[in-house]
C-alpha atoms as a PDB file:
ATOM      1  CA  MET A   1      12.613 -15.432  -0.263  1.00  0.00           C
ATOM      2  CA  LEU A   2       9.305 -15.840  -1.969  1.00  0.00           C
ATOM      3  CA  ARG A   3       8.383 -12.196  -1.333  1.00  0.00           C
ATOM      4  CA  GLN A   4      11.587 -10.998  -3.092  1.00  0.00           C
ATOM      5  CA  GLN A   5      10.952 -13.311  -6.057  1.00  0.00           C
ATOM      6  CA  LEU A   6       7.625 -12.062  -6.475  1.00  0.00           C
ATOM      7  CA  ARG A   7       8.461  -8.462  -6.566  1.00  0.00           C
ATOM      8  CA  MET A   8       7.597  -7.552 -10.091  1.00  0.00           C
ATOM      9  CA  PRO A   9       6.575  -4.086 -12.292  1.00  0.00           C
ATOM     10  CA  ILE A  10       3.229  -2.825 -11.357  1.00  0.00           C
ATOM     11  CA  MET A  11       0.022  -2.850 -13.359  1.00  0.00           C
ATOM     12  CA  ALA A  12      -3.330  -1.758 -12.875  1.00  0.00           C
ATOM     13  CA  MET A  13      -6.018  -4.182 -11.225  1.00  0.00           C
ATOM     14  CA  LYS A  14      -9.005  -5.048 -13.422  1.00  0.00           C
ATOM     15  CA  THR A  15     -12.184  -3.946 -11.738  1.00  0.00           C
ATOM     16  CA  PHE A  16     -15.071  -6.343 -10.640  1.00  0.00           C
ATOM     17  CA  ALA A  17     -19.231  -6.084 -10.579  1.00  0.00           C
ATOM     18  CA  LYS A  18     -20.294  -5.636  -6.823  1.00  0.00           C
ATOM     19  CA  VAL A  19     -23.403  -6.493  -5.290  1.00  0.00           C
ATOM     20  CA  ASN A  20     -24.898  -4.242  -2.870  1.00  0.00           C
ATOM     21  CA  ARG A  21     -24.573  -5.271   0.771  1.00  0.00           C
ATOM     22  CA  LEU A  22     -26.205  -2.573   2.670  1.00  0.00           C
ATOM     23  CA  VAL A  23     -27.550  -4.430   5.779  1.00  0.00           C
ATOM     24  CA  PRO A  24     -28.434  -3.091   9.248  1.00  0.00           C
ATOM     25  CA  ILE A  25     -25.785  -3.787  12.063  1.00  0.00           C
ATOM     26  CA  GLN A  26     -27.135  -3.932  15.795  1.00  0.00           C
ATOM     27  CA  SER A  27     -24.563  -3.646  18.317  1.00  0.00           C
ATOM     28  CA  ARG A  28     -23.575  -6.869  19.916  1.00  0.00           C
ATOM     29  CA  ASN A  29     -22.546  -7.423  23.604  1.00  0.00           C
ATOM     30  CA  VAL A  30     -19.197  -6.430  24.569  1.00  0.00           C
ATOM     31  CA  ILE A  31     -16.663  -8.494  22.493  1.00  0.00           C
ATOM     32  CA  ALA A  32     -14.338 -10.267  24.880  1.00  0.00           C
ATOM     33  CA  THR A  33     -10.766  -9.292  24.534  1.00  0.00           C
ATOM     34  CA  SER A  34      -7.533  -8.759  25.978  1.00  0.00           C
ATOM     35  CA  GLN A  35      -5.205  -5.778  25.860  1.00  0.00           C
ATOM     36  CA  ASP A  36      -1.825  -5.820  24.506  1.00  0.00           C
ATOM     37  CA  SER A  37      -1.126  -2.262  25.252  1.00  0.00           C
ATOM     38  CA  HIS A  38      -2.433   0.539  27.399  1.00  0.00           C
ATOM     39  CA  PRO A  39      -5.972   1.782  26.057  1.00  0.00           C
ATOM     40  CA  ASP A  40      -4.948   5.405  26.377  1.00  0.00           C
ATOM     41  CA  ASP A  41      -2.158   5.122  23.989  1.00  0.00           C
ATOM     42  CA  GLU A  42      -2.490   6.754  20.595  1.00  0.00           C
ATOM     43  CA  VAL A  43      -2.454   3.473  18.871  1.00  0.00           C
ATOM     44  CA  PHE A  44      -3.294   0.199  20.885  1.00  0.00           C
ATOM     45  CA  THR A  45      -3.790  -3.562  20.057  1.00  0.00           C
ATOM     46  CA  SER A  46      -6.437  -5.960  21.709  1.00  0.00           C
ATOM     47  CA  ARG A  47      -6.623  -9.607  21.002  1.00  0.00           C
ATOM     48  CA  MET A  48     -10.335 -11.329  20.868  1.00  0.00           C
ATOM     49  CA  THR A  49     -10.818 -14.397  22.844  1.00  0.00           C
ATOM     50  CA  GLY A  50     -12.873 -17.620  22.894  1.00  0.00           C
ATOM     51  CA  LYS A  51     -14.105 -18.336  19.222  1.00  0.00           C
ATOM     52  CA  GLN A  52     -12.627 -15.089  18.240  1.00  0.00           C
ATOM     53  CA  THR A  53      -9.230 -16.023  19.018  1.00  0.00           C
ATOM     54  CA  GLY A  54      -6.902 -15.082  16.312  1.00  0.00           C
ATOM     55  CA  ILE A  55      -8.638 -11.712  15.464  1.00  0.00           C
ATOM     56  CA  VAL A  56      -6.434  -8.747  16.771  1.00  0.00           C
ATOM     57  CA  VAL A  57      -7.748  -5.303  16.794  1.00  0.00           C
ATOM     58  CA  LEU A  58      -5.498  -2.297  16.126  1.00  0.00           C
ATOM     59  CA  SER A  59      -7.233   0.883  17.386  1.00  0.00           C
ATOM     60  CA  LEU A  60      -6.400   4.390  16.590  1.00  0.00           C
ATOM     61  CA  ASN A  61      -7.077   6.724  19.671  1.00  0.00           C
ATOM     62  CA  ARG A  62      -5.859  10.276  19.211  1.00  0.00           C
ATOM     63  CA  PRO A  63      -9.314  12.207  20.298  1.00  0.00           C
ATOM     64  CA  LYS A  64      -8.106  15.780  20.752  1.00  0.00           C
ATOM     65  CA  ALA A  65      -6.723  15.636  16.841  1.00  0.00           C
ATOM     66  CA  ALA A  66      -9.264  13.660  15.399  1.00  0.00           C
ATOM     67  CA  ASN A  67      -6.548  10.711  15.012  1.00  0.00           C
ATOM     68  CA  SER A  68      -4.622  12.987  12.596  1.00  0.00           C
ATOM     69  CA  LEU A  69      -1.265  11.498  11.714  1.00  0.00           C
ATOM     70  CA  SER A  70       1.424  13.156  14.109  1.00  0.00           C
ATOM     71  CA  LYS A  71       5.222  12.196  14.172  1.00  0.00           C
ATOM     72  CA  SER A  72       4.421  10.362  17.161  1.00  0.00           C
ATOM     73  CA  MET A  73       1.149   8.650  16.118  1.00  0.00           C
ATOM     74  CA  ALA A  74       2.834   7.630  12.812  1.00  0.00           C
ATOM     75  CA  ARG A  75       5.762   5.892  14.811  1.00  0.00           C
ATOM     76  CA  ALA A  76       3.456   4.331  17.136  1.00  0.00           C
ATOM     77  CA  LEU A  77       1.436   2.889  14.080  1.00  0.00           C
ATOM     78  CA  ASN A  78       4.451   1.783  12.302  1.00  0.00           C
ATOM     79  CA  GLU A  79       5.872   0.087  15.375  1.00  0.00           C
ATOM     80  CA  SER A  80       2.595  -1.715  16.042  1.00  0.00           C
ATOM     81  CA  ILE A  81       2.080  -2.929  12.520  1.00  0.00           C
ATOM     82  CA  TYR A  82       5.837  -4.201  12.476  1.00  0.00           C
ATOM     83  CA  GLN A  83       5.224  -6.258  15.752  1.00  0.00           C
ATOM     84  CA  LEU A  84       1.903  -7.535  14.901  1.00  0.00           C
ATOM     85  CA  GLY A  85       3.412  -8.876  11.325  1.00  0.00           C
ATOM     86  CA  LYS A  86       5.648 -11.218  13.468  1.00  0.00           C
ATOM     87  CA  ASP A  87       2.592 -12.537  15.583  1.00  0.00           C
ATOM     88  CA  GLU A  88       2.444 -16.328  14.748  1.00  0.00           C
ATOM     89  CA  GLU A  89      -1.169 -16.315  16.721  1.00  0.00           C
ATOM     90  CA  LEU A  90      -2.820 -13.651  14.405  1.00  0.00           C
ATOM     91  CA  ARG A  91      -4.908 -14.813  11.586  1.00  0.00           C
ATOM     92  CA  VAL A  92      -7.045 -11.318  10.885  1.00  0.00           C
ATOM     93  CA  LEU A  93      -5.982  -7.945  11.468  1.00  0.00           C
ATOM     94  CA  ILE A  94      -8.845  -5.350  12.061  1.00  0.00           C
ATOM     95  CA  ILE A  95      -7.956  -1.330  11.851  1.00  0.00           C
ATOM     96  CA  ARG A  96     -10.512   0.674  13.734  1.00  0.00           C
ATOM     97  CA  SER A  97     -10.942   4.019  15.524  1.00  0.00           C
ATOM     98  CA  VAL A  98     -12.249   4.315  19.218  1.00  0.00           C
ATOM     99  CA  VAL A  99     -12.784   8.082  18.798  1.00  0.00           C
ATOM    100  CA  PRO A 100     -16.448   8.540  17.988  1.00  0.00           C
ATOM    101  CA  GLY A 101     -17.160   9.941  14.309  1.00  0.00           C
ATOM    102  CA  ILE A 102     -13.431   9.719  13.400  1.00  0.00           C
ATOM    103  CA  PHE A 103     -11.651   6.957  11.320  1.00  0.00           C
ATOM    104  CA  CYS A 104      -8.480   8.999  10.792  1.00  0.00           C
ATOM    105  CA  ALA A 105      -8.481  12.766   9.412  1.00  0.00           C
ATOM    106  CA  GLY A 106      -5.241  12.174   7.611  1.00  0.00           C
ATOM    107  CA  ALA A 107      -1.915  14.185   8.383  1.00  0.00           C
ATOM    108  CA  ASP A 108      -1.656  16.445  11.345  1.00  0.00           C
ATOM    109  CA  LEU A 109      -1.660  19.828   9.330  1.00  0.00           C
ATOM    110  CA  LYS A 110      -1.025  21.695  12.559  1.00  0.00           C
ATOM    111  CA  GLU A 111       2.196  19.908  13.209  1.00  0.00           C
ATOM    112  CA  ARG A 112       2.832  20.182   9.681  1.00  0.00           C
ATOM    113  CA  ALA A 113       2.750  23.803   9.545  1.00  0.00           C
ATOM    114  CA  THR A 114       5.546  23.778  12.093  1.00  0.00           C
ATOM    115  CA  MET A 115       7.905  21.589  10.185  1.00  0.00           C
ATOM    116  CA  HIS A 116      10.842  22.862   8.106  1.00  0.00           C
ATOM    117  CA  ILE A 117      10.371  22.324   4.437  1.00  0.00           C
ATOM    118  CA  LYS A 118      13.285  19.814   4.665  1.00  0.00           C
ATOM    119  CA  GLU A 119      11.370  17.814   6.889  1.00  0.00           C
ATOM    120  CA  VAL A 120       8.150  17.219   5.024  1.00  0.00           C
ATOM    121  CA  ALA A 121       9.439  14.534   2.292  1.00  0.00           C
ATOM    122  CA  PRO A 122      10.647  12.332   4.818  1.00  0.00           C
ATOM    123  CA  PHE A 123       8.018  12.443   7.111  1.00  0.00           C
ATOM    124  CA  VAL A 124       5.455  11.727   4.143  1.00  0.00           C
ATOM    125  CA  ALA A 125       7.885   8.923   3.073  1.00  0.00           C
ATOM    126  CA  LYS A 126       7.449   7.656   6.673  1.00  0.00           C
ATOM    127  CA  LEU A 127       3.437   7.741   6.079  1.00  0.00           C
ATOM    128  CA  ARG A 128       3.877   6.003   2.829  1.00  0.00           C
ATOM    129  CA  SER A 129       6.028   3.315   4.020  1.00  0.00           C
ATOM    130  CA  ILE A 130       3.290   2.683   6.893  1.00  0.00           C
ATOM    131  CA  SER A 131       0.751   2.344   3.748  1.00  0.00           C
ATOM    132  CA  THR A 132       2.903  -0.228   2.279  1.00  0.00           C
ATOM    133  CA  ALA A 133       3.357  -2.065   5.429  1.00  0.00           C
ATOM    134  CA  ILE A 134      -0.406  -2.386   5.972  1.00  0.00           C
ATOM    135  CA  TYR A 135      -0.652  -3.459   2.329  1.00  0.00           C
ATOM    136  CA  ASP A 136       2.192  -6.082   2.824  1.00  0.00           C
ATOM    137  CA  PHE A 137       0.866  -7.498   6.129  1.00  0.00           C
ATOM    138  CA  PRO A 138       1.113 -11.268   5.890  1.00  0.00           C
ATOM    139  CA  TYR A 139      -2.357 -11.976   7.003  1.00  0.00           C
ATOM    140  CA  PRO A 140      -6.021 -10.505   6.000  1.00  0.00           C
ATOM    141  CA  THR A 141      -6.495  -6.881   7.137  1.00  0.00           C
ATOM    142  CA  ILE A 142      -9.922  -5.080   7.433  1.00  0.00           C
ATOM    143  CA  ALA A 143     -10.427  -1.498   7.938  1.00  0.00           C
ATOM    144  CA  ALA A 144     -13.784  -0.666  10.092  1.00  0.00           C
ATOM    145  CA  ILE A 145     -14.668   2.982   8.872  1.00  0.00           C
ATOM    146  CA  ASP A 146     -17.214   4.222  11.393  1.00  0.00           C
ATOM    147  CA  GLY A 147     -16.374   8.025  10.877  1.00  0.00           C
ATOM    148  CA  ALA A 148     -14.385  10.446   8.454  1.00  0.00           C
ATOM    149  CA  ALA A 149     -11.591   8.826   6.895  1.00  0.00           C
ATOM    150  CA  LEU A 150      -9.874  11.557   4.839  1.00  0.00           C
ATOM    151  CA  GLY A 151      -6.705  12.011   3.238  1.00  0.00           C
ATOM    152  CA  GLY A 152      -4.018   9.648   4.578  1.00  0.00           C
ATOM    153  CA  GLY A 153      -6.768   8.213   6.535  1.00  0.00           C
ATOM    154  CA  LEU A 154      -8.402   6.897   3.482  1.00  0.00           C
ATOM    155  CA  GLU A 155      -4.856   5.894   1.920  1.00  0.00           C
ATOM    156  CA  TYR A 156      -4.421   3.640   5.023  1.00  0.00           C
ATOM    157  CA  ALA A 157      -7.871   2.138   4.713  1.00  0.00           C
ATOM    158  CA  LEU A 158      -7.284   1.667   0.845  1.00  0.00           C
ATOM    159  CA  SER A 159      -3.970  -0.240   1.857  1.00  0.00           C
ATOM    160  CA  THR A 160      -6.090  -2.899   3.635  1.00  0.00           C
ATOM    161  CA  ASP A 161      -7.726  -6.066   1.905  1.00  0.00           C
ATOM    162  CA  LEU A 162     -10.983  -5.165   2.992  1.00  0.00           C
ATOM    163  CA  ARG A 163     -13.015  -2.336   3.906  1.00  0.00           C
ATOM    164  CA  VAL A 164     -16.331  -2.031   5.870  1.00  0.00           C
ATOM    165  CA  ALA A 165     -18.183   1.660   6.417  1.00  0.00           C
ATOM    166  CA  SER A 166     -20.964   2.798   8.257  1.00  0.00           C
ATOM    167  CA  THR A 167     -23.469   4.884   6.284  1.00  0.00           C
ATOM    168  CA  ASN A 168     -22.553   8.134   8.099  1.00  0.00           C
ATOM    169  CA  ALA A 169     -18.764   7.494   7.316  1.00  0.00           C
ATOM    170  CA  LYS A 170     -17.097  10.238   5.258  1.00  0.00           C
ATOM    171  CA  LEU A 171     -14.352   8.880   2.757  1.00  0.00           C
ATOM    172  CA  GLY A 172     -12.227  11.035   0.332  1.00  0.00           C
ATOM    173  CA  LEU A 173      -8.821  12.097  -0.792  1.00  0.00           C
ATOM    174  CA  VAL A 174      -8.868  15.613  -0.475  1.00  0.00           C
ATOM    175  CA  GLU A 175      -5.222  16.708  -0.764  1.00  0.00           C
ATOM    176  CA  SER A 176      -6.076  18.599  -3.960  1.00  0.00           C
ATOM    177  CA  LYS A 177      -8.011  21.229  -1.897  1.00  0.00           C
ATOM    178  CA  LEU A 178      -4.761  21.864  -0.318  1.00  0.00           C
ATOM    179  CA  ALA A 179      -2.781  22.464  -3.328  1.00  0.00           C
ATOM    180  CA  ILE A 180      -0.993  18.931  -2.891  1.00  0.00           C
ATOM    181  CA  ILE A 181      -1.651  15.501  -3.819  1.00  0.00           C
ATOM    182  CA  PRO A 182      -1.987  12.111  -1.791  1.00  0.00           C
ATOM    183  CA  GLY A 183       1.465  11.074  -0.882  1.00  0.00           C
ATOM    184  CA  ALA A 184       0.751   7.836   1.094  1.00  0.00           C
ATOM    185  CA  GLY A 185      -0.142   5.653  -1.910  1.00  0.00           C
ATOM    186  CA  GLY A 186      -3.562   7.189  -2.748  1.00  0.00           C
ATOM    187  CA  THR A 187      -2.709   7.857  -6.279  1.00  0.00           C
ATOM    188  CA  GLN A 188      -1.876   4.193  -6.678  1.00  0.00           C
ATOM    189  CA  ARG A 189      -3.988   2.438  -4.612  1.00  0.00           C
ATOM    190  CA  MET A 190      -7.374   4.069  -5.433  1.00  0.00           C
ATOM    191  CA  PRO A 191      -7.081   3.436  -9.323  1.00  0.00           C
ATOM    192  CA  ARG A 192      -6.523  -0.230  -8.429  1.00  0.00           C
ATOM    193  CA  ILE A 193      -9.315  -0.691  -6.588  1.00  0.00           C
ATOM    194  CA  ILE A 194     -12.127   1.154  -8.665  1.00  0.00           C
ATOM    195  CA  PRO A 195     -11.957   2.262 -12.395  1.00  0.00           C
ATOM    196  CA  ARG A 196      -9.103   4.813 -13.194  1.00  0.00           C
ATOM    197  CA  HIS A 197     -11.390   7.535 -14.473  1.00  0.00           C
ATOM    198  CA  ILE A 198     -13.650   7.281 -11.317  1.00  0.00           C
ATOM    199  CA  ALA A 199     -10.422   7.532  -9.106  1.00  0.00           C
ATOM    200  CA  LYS A 200      -9.049  10.411 -11.437  1.00  0.00           C
ATOM    201  CA  GLU A 201     -12.508  12.319 -10.894  1.00  0.00           C
ATOM    202  CA  LEU A 202     -12.543  11.777  -6.729  1.00  0.00           C
ATOM    203  CA  ILE A 203      -8.782  12.637  -6.391  1.00  0.00           C
ATOM    204  CA  PHE A 204      -9.085  15.626  -9.044  1.00  0.00           C
ATOM    205  CA  THR A 205     -12.290  17.018  -7.224  1.00  0.00           C
ATOM    206  CA  GLY A 206     -11.380  16.120  -3.456  1.00  0.00           C
ATOM    207  CA  ARG A 207     -14.875  14.787  -3.427  1.00  0.00           C
ATOM    208  CA  ILE A 208     -16.084  13.394  -0.078  1.00  0.00           C
ATOM    209  CA  LEU A 209     -18.365  10.270  -0.137  1.00  0.00           C
ATOM    210  CA  ASP A 210     -20.606   8.990   2.349  1.00  0.00           C
ATOM    211  CA  GLY A 211     -20.660   5.107   3.240  1.00  0.00           C
ATOM    212  CA  ALA A 212     -23.178   4.272   0.671  1.00  0.00           C
ATOM    213  CA  GLN A 213     -21.792   6.483  -1.811  1.00  0.00           C
ATOM    214  CA  ALA A 214     -18.393   4.847  -1.323  1.00  0.00           C
ATOM    215  CA  PHE A 215     -19.817   1.473  -1.694  1.00  0.00           C
ATOM    216  CA  ASN A 216     -21.409   2.425  -4.859  1.00  0.00           C
ATOM    217  CA  TYR A 217     -18.193   3.469  -6.158  1.00  0.00           C
ATOM    218  CA  GLY A 218     -16.614   0.076  -5.185  1.00  0.00           C
ATOM    219  CA  LEU A 219     -14.153   1.637  -2.359  1.00  0.00           C
ATOM    220  CA  VAL A 220     -15.853  -0.844   0.269  1.00  0.00           C
ATOM    221  CA  ASN A 221     -16.803  -4.142   0.627  1.00  0.00           C
ATOM    222  CA  TYR A 222     -19.726  -3.517   2.673  1.00  0.00           C
ATOM    223  CA  THR A 223     -21.923  -0.319   3.755  1.00  0.00           C
ATOM    224  CA  VAL A 224     -23.855  -0.952   7.099  1.00  0.00           C
ATOM    225  CA  GLN A 225     -26.555   1.239   8.887  1.00  0.00           C
ATOM    226  CA  GLN A 226     -24.703   3.051  11.953  1.00  0.00           C
ATOM    227  CA  ASN A 227     -25.966   1.966  15.256  1.00  0.00           C
ATOM    228  CA  ASP A 228     -26.705   3.965  18.624  1.00  0.00           C
ATOM    229  CA  ASN A 229     -23.115   3.244  19.515  1.00  0.00           C
ATOM    230  CA  GLY A 230     -21.345   4.241  16.475  1.00  0.00           C
ATOM    231  CA  ASP A 231     -19.439   1.201  16.008  1.00  0.00           C
ATOM    232  CA  ALA A 232     -21.606  -0.717  13.300  1.00  0.00           C
ATOM    233  CA  ALA A 233     -18.879  -0.899  10.778  1.00  0.00           C
ATOM    234  CA  TYR A 234     -16.490  -2.317  13.602  1.00  0.00           C
ATOM    235  CA  HIS A 235     -19.019  -5.349  14.439  1.00  0.00           C
ATOM    236  CA  ARG A 236     -19.573  -6.173  10.612  1.00  0.00           C
ATOM    237  CA  ALA A 237     -15.811  -6.253  10.444  1.00  0.00           C
ATOM    238  CA  VAL A 238     -15.558  -8.572  13.359  1.00  0.00           C
ATOM    239  CA  SER A 239     -18.182 -11.011  11.590  1.00  0.00           C
ATOM    240  CA  LEU A 240     -16.140 -10.780   8.453  1.00  0.00           C
ATOM    241  CA  ALA A 241     -13.013 -11.833  10.393  1.00  0.00           C
ATOM    242  CA  GLU A 242     -14.858 -14.603  12.032  1.00  0.00           C
ATOM    243  CA  GLU A 243     -15.782 -16.093   8.519  1.00  0.00           C
ATOM    244  CA  MET A 244     -11.888 -16.214   8.025  1.00  0.00           C
ATOM    245  CA  LEU A 245     -10.803 -18.229  11.030  1.00  0.00           C
ATOM    246  CA  SER A 246     -11.982 -21.475   9.577  1.00  0.00           C
ATOM    247  CA  SER A 247      -9.570 -21.238   6.856  1.00  0.00           C
ATOM    248  CA  GLY A 248      -6.297 -22.554   7.199  1.00  0.00           C
ATOM    249  CA  PRO A 249      -3.635 -19.757   8.306  1.00  0.00           C
ATOM    250  CA  MET A 250      -0.880 -20.574   5.979  1.00  0.00           C
ATOM    251  CA  ALA A 251      -3.630 -20.869   2.965  1.00  0.00           C
ATOM    252  CA  LEU A 252      -4.576 -17.098   3.936  1.00  0.00           C
ATOM    253  CA  LYS A 253      -0.874 -15.900   3.727  1.00  0.00           C
ATOM    254  CA  ALA A 254      -0.521 -17.689   0.689  1.00  0.00           C
ATOM    255  CA  ALA A 255      -3.469 -16.709  -1.063  1.00  0.00           C
ATOM    256  CA  LYS A 256      -3.052 -12.939  -0.052  1.00  0.00           C
ATOM    257  CA  MET A 257       0.394 -12.944  -1.696  1.00  0.00           C
ATOM    258  CA  ALA A 258      -0.672 -14.617  -4.732  1.00  0.00           C
ATOM    259  CA  ILE A 259      -3.557 -11.897  -5.337  1.00  0.00           C
ATOM    260  CA  ASN A 260      -1.422  -8.923  -4.543  1.00  0.00           C
ATOM    261  CA  ARG A 261       1.465 -10.008  -6.565  1.00  0.00           C
ATOM    262  CA  GLY A 262      -0.179 -11.425  -9.142  1.00  0.00           C
ATOM    263  CA  LEU A 263      -2.432  -8.328  -9.859  1.00  0.00           C
ATOM    264  CA  GLU A 264       0.801  -6.457 -10.512  1.00  0.00           C
ATOM    265  CA  VAL A 265       1.956  -8.571 -13.383  1.00  0.00           C
ATOM    266  CA  ASP A 266       0.784 -10.132 -16.734  1.00  0.00           C
ATOM    267  CA  ILE A 267      -1.589 -13.289 -16.588  1.00  0.00           C
ATOM    268  CA  THR A 268       1.247 -15.581 -17.255  1.00  0.00           C
ATOM    269  CA  SER A 269       3.679 -14.169 -14.671  1.00  0.00           C
ATOM    270  CA  GLY A 270       0.446 -14.214 -12.478  1.00  0.00           C
ATOM    271  CA  LEU A 271      -0.120 -17.935 -12.745  1.00  0.00           C
ATOM    272  CA  ALA A 272       3.572 -18.570 -11.982  1.00  0.00           C
ATOM    273  CA  ILE A 273       3.081 -16.642  -8.841  1.00  0.00           C
ATOM    274  CA  GLU A 274       0.078 -18.567  -7.962  1.00  0.00           C
ATOM    275  CA  ALA A 275       2.008 -21.990  -8.598  1.00  0.00           C
ATOM    276  CA  ALA A 276       4.746 -20.732  -6.111  1.00  0.00           C
ATOM    277  CA  CYS A 277       2.435 -19.924  -3.692  1.00  0.00           C
ATOM    278  CA  TYR A 278       0.576 -23.242  -3.749  1.00  0.00           C
ATOM    279  CA  GLN A 279       3.629 -24.859  -3.747  1.00  0.00           C
ATOM    280  CA  GLN A 280       4.180 -22.961  -0.312  1.00  0.00           C
ATOM    281  CA  VAL A 281       1.191 -24.702   1.510  1.00  0.00           C
ATOM    282  CA  VAL A 282       0.851 -28.091  -0.456  1.00  0.00           C
ATOM    283  CA  ASN A 283       3.550 -29.625   2.144  1.00  0.00           C
ATOM    284  CA  THR A 284       2.004 -28.141   5.147  1.00  0.00           C
ATOM    285  CA  LYS A 285       0.900 -29.895   8.240  1.00  0.00           C
ATOM    286  CA  ASP A 286      -2.673 -27.997   7.899  1.00  0.00           C
ATOM    287  CA  ARG A 287      -3.212 -29.448   4.536  1.00  0.00           C
ATOM    288  CA  ILE A 288      -3.115 -32.922   5.694  1.00  0.00           C
ATOM    289  CA  GLU A 289      -5.446 -31.950   8.716  1.00  0.00           C
ATOM    290  CA  GLY A 290      -7.942 -30.462   5.975  1.00  0.00           C
ATOM    291  CA  LEU A 291      -8.143 -33.580   3.949  1.00  0.00           C
ATOM    292  CA  MET A 292      -8.315 -35.552   7.289  1.00  0.00           C
ATOM    293  CA  ALA A 293     -11.171 -33.404   8.476  1.00  0.00           C
ATOM    294  CA  PHE A 294     -13.031 -33.612   5.272  1.00  0.00           C
ATOM    295  CA  LYS A 295     -12.810 -37.409   5.239  1.00  0.00           C
ATOM    296  CA  GLU A 296     -13.839 -37.717   8.839  1.00  0.00           C
ATOM    297  CA  LYS A 297     -16.745 -35.193   8.429  1.00  0.00           C
ATOM    298  CA  ARG A 298     -15.557 -32.794  11.303  1.00  0.00           C
ATOM    299  CA  PRO A 299     -14.124 -29.461  11.391  1.00  0.00           C
ATOM    300  CA  PRO A 300     -10.456 -28.919  10.908  1.00  0.00           C
ATOM    301  CA  LYS A 301      -7.929 -27.996  13.664  1.00  0.00           C
ATOM    302  CA  TYR A 302      -5.399 -25.945  11.941  1.00  0.00           C
ATOM    303  CA  ILE A 303      -2.250 -24.855  13.636  1.00  0.00           C
ATOM    304  CA  GLY A 304      -0.567 -22.684  11.180  1.00  0.00           C
ATOM    305  CA  GLU A 305       2.080 -25.128  10.001  1.00  0.00           C
END
């Protein structure tokens, strides 16, 4: 009901000054996880355990095609996002690739070349709907970009709440080089993340940025020095997710909705959206637990209720 009430006309986001966050990240020991699906699948999920319980990782795994978005991979990604959105134990979702040097190379152009012209629009619409599903995912999402995120790959990363890129990552909306335009939300999301004139330049030129350049443009929250294992961005994303685990789950959901919906409207409407989202958390058990924990000077034990 609240989601329906908050759907209003879209307006451009304001941009914010950023502080350089280039930091070296060393590979940690193996992170303890349990598998939700088979690690040989094109898309699979795993759950972190112990103190990292609540962090779920969605991994892209199509090495022979640079994680390009085929019909089968798009179907698997869509299903995974849908199922994870109903997961009551999830607190933060990390989207990463397990293919070295690649996040996602965008659409599978070889498959696209075999499609009848009438198939193209519905398929692109499906890719766009996945982008929207990522953006509307109820809990915070982080893209860990340890390689090339091009075209649709970058569009999916732009749909997440936060992005971490390694220094050797490659990011670009390159569709204009193929005489088309971004079709999975890129023309709308990029200008809402960085200044409009910069977004236009990047889209018009199809320019590819490395991780440091992407940070300087404001496309990513952090740039990290790549490690020997090629997963520095992933480990930084895990650290970022860990910081969120101490927050109330209901608060995370409400804050995300207030920000996303509020930035689409004028300030007066945005404040009304904030008030509605605040009302959703003020009567929760977690709010009472937070107050008691503060009073008793102990860590809170939130249950998401």
